[in-house]
Amino acid sequence: MAVKEKKTAYPQIKIKLKKSLAGRTQKQRATVKGLGLRKIDSEVVREKRPEILGMVKKIYFLLQVTDVEN
């Protein structure tokens, strides 16, 4: 019988693409796509998980990140 792990409720952050992807590396473009962003000024709301924060850290200079009040 498998033991269920508790799901942790993470706070949420709003991520907005502020700069163009023109001239960016393929890895940076893939990271933006992985976050779910497409065009300049597009926004997504994601959980503040270690995986997401790592992606944001790699391309922080392209983004605007704000906390979402629950």
N, C-alpha and C. Protein backbone atom coordinates (compact mmCIF):
# COMPACT_ATOMS: atom_id res chain seq x y z
N MET A 1 0.84 -1.18 0.00
CA MET A 1 0.00 0.00 0.00
C MET A 1 0.89 1.25 0.00
N ALA A 2 0.67 2.14 -0.96
CA ALA A 2 1.49 3.34 -1.08
C ALA A 2 1.04 4.40 -0.08
N VAL A 3 2.01 5.11 0.43
CA VAL A 3 1.72 6.18 1.38
C VAL A 3 1.56 7.48 0.59
N LYS A 4 0.46 8.17 0.79
CA LYS A 4 0.24 9.44 0.12
C LYS A 4 1.01 10.54 0.83
N GLU A 5 1.66 11.37 0.04
CA GLU A 5 2.37 12.50 0.61
C GLU A 5 1.42 13.70 0.66
N LYS A 6 1.63 14.55 1.65
CA LYS A 6 0.84 15.77 1.74
C LYS A 6 1.24 16.72 0.63
N LYS A 7 0.26 17.35 0.04
CA LYS A 7 0.56 18.37 -0.96
C LYS A 7 0.78 19.69 -0.23
N THR A 8 1.88 20.33 -0.55
CA THR A 8 2.18 21.61 0.06
C THR A 8 1.50 22.72 -0.74
N ALA A 9 0.84 23.61 -0.06
CA ALA A 9 0.20 24.75 -0.73
C ALA A 9 1.24 25.85 -0.87
N TYR A 10 1.68 26.06 -2.10
CA TYR A 10 2.69 27.08 -2.36
C TYR A 10 2.01 28.42 -2.62
N PRO A 11 2.65 29.51 -2.22
CA PRO A 11 2.13 30.83 -2.61
C PRO A 11 2.29 31.00 -4.12
N GLN A 12 1.60 31.96 -4.68
CA GLN A 12 1.64 32.15 -6.13
C GLN A 12 2.36 33.44 -6.50
N ILE A 13 2.95 33.42 -7.70
CA ILE A 13 3.61 34.60 -8.24
C ILE A 13 3.08 34.86 -9.64
N LYS A 14 3.07 36.14 -10.04
CA LYS A 14 2.68 36.53 -11.39
C LYS A 14 3.97 36.85 -12.15
N ILE A 15 4.13 36.23 -13.30
CA ILE A 15 5.32 36.42 -14.12
C ILE A 15 4.91 37.08 -15.42
N LYS A 16 5.59 38.18 -15.76
CA LYS A 16 5.25 38.94 -16.96
C LYS A 16 6.51 39.10 -17.81
N LEU A 17 6.41 38.81 -19.11
CA LEU A 17 7.52 38.97 -20.04
C LEU A 17 7.62 40.44 -20.42
N LYS A 18 8.76 41.08 -20.10
CA LYS A 18 8.91 42.51 -20.34
C LYS A 18 9.82 42.85 -21.51
N LYS A 19 10.68 41.92 -21.93
CA LYS A 19 11.61 42.21 -23.01
C LYS A 19 11.48 41.19 -24.13
N SER A 20 11.93 41.56 -25.29
CA SER A 20 11.83 40.72 -26.48
C SER A 20 12.78 39.52 -26.41
N LEU A 21 12.43 38.47 -27.13
CA LEU A 21 13.28 37.29 -27.21
C LEU A 21 14.24 37.36 -28.40
N ALA A 22 14.20 38.44 -29.15
CA ALA A 22 15.09 38.59 -30.30
C ALA A 22 16.54 38.62 -29.82
N GLY A 23 17.36 37.81 -30.42
CA GLY A 23 18.77 37.77 -30.07
C GLY A 23 19.10 36.95 -28.84
N ARG A 24 18.14 36.26 -28.29
CA ARG A 24 18.35 35.43 -27.09
C ARG A 24 18.75 34.02 -27.51
N THR A 25 19.41 33.32 -26.60
CA THR A 25 19.84 31.95 -26.90
C THR A 25 18.64 31.01 -26.94
N GLN A 26 18.87 29.84 -27.51
CA GLN A 26 17.80 28.85 -27.62
C GLN A 26 17.35 28.38 -26.23
N LYS A 27 18.28 28.27 -25.27
CA LYS A 27 17.93 27.87 -23.91
C LYS A 27 17.03 28.90 -23.24
N GLN A 28 17.34 30.19 -23.46
CA GLN A 28 16.53 31.25 -22.86
C GLN A 28 15.13 31.24 -23.47
N ARG A 29 15.02 31.04 -24.77
CA ARG A 29 13.72 30.97 -25.43
C ARG A 29 12.91 29.78 -24.90
N ALA A 30 13.58 28.64 -24.72
CA ALA A 30 12.91 27.45 -24.22
C ALA A 30 12.42 27.66 -22.79
N THR A 31 13.18 28.38 -21.99
CA THR A 31 12.78 28.65 -20.61
C THR A 31 11.54 29.53 -20.58
N VAL A 32 11.49 30.54 -21.44
CA VAL A 32 10.32 31.42 -21.53
C VAL A 32 9.10 30.60 -21.95
N LYS A 33 9.27 29.74 -22.92
CA LYS A 33 8.18 28.89 -23.38
C LYS A 33 7.73 27.93 -22.29
N GLY A 34 8.69 27.40 -21.54
CA GLY A 34 8.38 26.48 -20.45
C GLY A 34 7.58 27.13 -19.34
N LEU A 35 7.77 28.42 -19.14
CA LEU A 35 6.99 29.16 -18.15
C LEU A 35 5.58 29.45 -18.66
N GLY A 36 5.37 29.30 -19.97
CA GLY A 36 4.05 29.54 -20.54
C GLY A 36 3.88 30.93 -21.09
N LEU A 37 4.97 31.65 -21.30
CA LEU A 37 4.91 33.00 -21.84
C LEU A 37 5.11 32.97 -23.35
N ARG A 38 4.46 33.90 -24.04
CA ARG A 38 4.55 33.90 -25.50
C ARG A 38 5.03 35.24 -26.05
N LYS A 39 4.28 36.29 -25.79
CA LYS A 39 4.59 37.60 -26.35
C LYS A 39 4.96 38.57 -25.24
N ILE A 40 5.51 39.71 -25.62
CA ILE A 40 5.82 40.75 -24.65
C ILE A 40 4.52 41.16 -23.97
N ASP A 41 4.58 41.39 -22.68
CA ASP A 41 3.46 41.76 -21.81
C ASP A 41 2.48 40.61 -21.56
N SER A 42 2.82 39.39 -21.97
CA SER A 42 1.97 38.26 -21.58
C SER A 42 2.28 37.90 -20.14
N GLU A 43 1.25 37.45 -19.42
CA GLU A 43 1.38 37.14 -17.99
C GLU A 43 0.89 35.74 -17.70
N VAL A 44 1.51 35.11 -16.72
CA VAL A 44 1.04 33.82 -16.20
C VAL A 44 1.14 33.86 -14.69
N VAL A 45 0.31 33.08 -14.03
CA VAL A 45 0.38 32.92 -12.58
C VAL A 45 0.83 31.50 -12.31
N ARG A 46 1.90 31.36 -11.56
CA ARG A 46 2.47 30.05 -11.26
C ARG A 46 2.68 29.94 -9.76
N GLU A 47 2.79 28.70 -9.29
CA GLU A 47 3.12 28.47 -7.88
C GLU A 47 4.59 28.81 -7.67
N LYS A 48 4.89 29.28 -6.48
CA LYS A 48 6.26 29.69 -6.14
C LYS A 48 7.03 28.45 -5.70
N ARG A 49 7.27 27.56 -6.65
CA ARG A 49 7.95 26.29 -6.40
C ARG A 49 9.43 26.43 -6.78
N PRO A 50 10.28 25.58 -6.25
CA PRO A 50 11.72 25.66 -6.57
C PRO A 50 12.01 25.55 -8.07
N GLU A 51 11.25 24.72 -8.79
CA GLU A 51 11.48 24.55 -10.22
C GLU A 51 11.19 25.85 -10.97
N ILE A 52 10.10 26.49 -10.62
CA ILE A 52 9.71 27.74 -11.28
C ILE A 52 10.69 28.85 -10.92
N LEU A 53 11.07 28.94 -9.66
CA LEU A 53 12.02 29.98 -9.24
C LEU A 53 13.36 29.81 -9.93
N GLY A 54 13.78 28.58 -10.18
CA GLY A 54 15.02 28.34 -10.90
C GLY A 54 14.95 28.82 -12.33
N MET A 55 13.80 28.60 -12.97
CA MET A 55 13.61 29.08 -14.34
C MET A 55 13.61 30.60 -14.39
N VAL A 56 12.95 31.21 -13.41
CA VAL A 56 12.89 32.67 -13.35
C VAL A 56 14.29 33.24 -13.14
N LYS A 57 15.07 32.59 -12.30
CA LYS A 57 16.43 33.06 -12.00
C LYS A 57 17.31 33.07 -13.25
N LYS A 58 17.10 32.12 -14.15
CA LYS A 58 17.89 32.03 -15.37
C LYS A 58 17.62 33.18 -16.35
N ILE A 59 16.39 33.71 -16.32
CA ILE A 59 16.02 34.76 -17.29
C ILE A 59 15.40 35.97 -16.59
N TYR A 60 15.86 36.25 -15.38
CA TYR A 60 15.28 37.34 -14.57
C TYR A 60 15.28 38.68 -15.29
N PHE A 61 16.27 38.92 -16.16
CA PHE A 61 16.42 40.20 -16.83
C PHE A 61 15.37 40.42 -17.92
N LEU A 62 14.61 39.38 -18.25
CA LEU A 62 13.54 39.50 -19.25
C LEU A 62 12.17 39.65 -18.61
N LEU A 63 12.09 39.44 -17.30
CA LEU A 63 10.80 39.28 -16.63
C LEU A 63 10.53 40.36 -15.59
N GLN A 64 9.25 40.45 -15.22
CA GLN A 64 8.81 41.20 -14.05
C GLN A 64 8.01 40.21 -13.21
N VAL A 65 8.42 40.03 -11.95
CA VAL A 65 7.80 39.04 -11.09
C VAL A 65 7.18 39.75 -9.88
N THR A 66 5.92 39.44 -9.59
CA THR A 66 5.24 39.99 -8.42
C THR A 66 4.50 38.88 -7.68
N ASP A 67 4.37 39.05 -6.37
CA ASP A 67 3.61 38.10 -5.56
C ASP A 67 2.12 38.34 -5.76
N VAL A 68 1.35 37.26 -5.71
CA VAL A 68 -0.11 37.34 -5.82
C VAL A 68 -0.69 37.17 -4.44
N GLU A 69 -1.60 38.08 -4.07
CA GLU A 69 -2.28 37.98 -2.80
C GLU A 69 -3.42 36.97 -2.92
N ASN A 70 -3.50 36.08 -1.96
CA ASN A 70 -4.57 35.07 -2.01
C ASN A 70 -5.78 35.50 -1.22
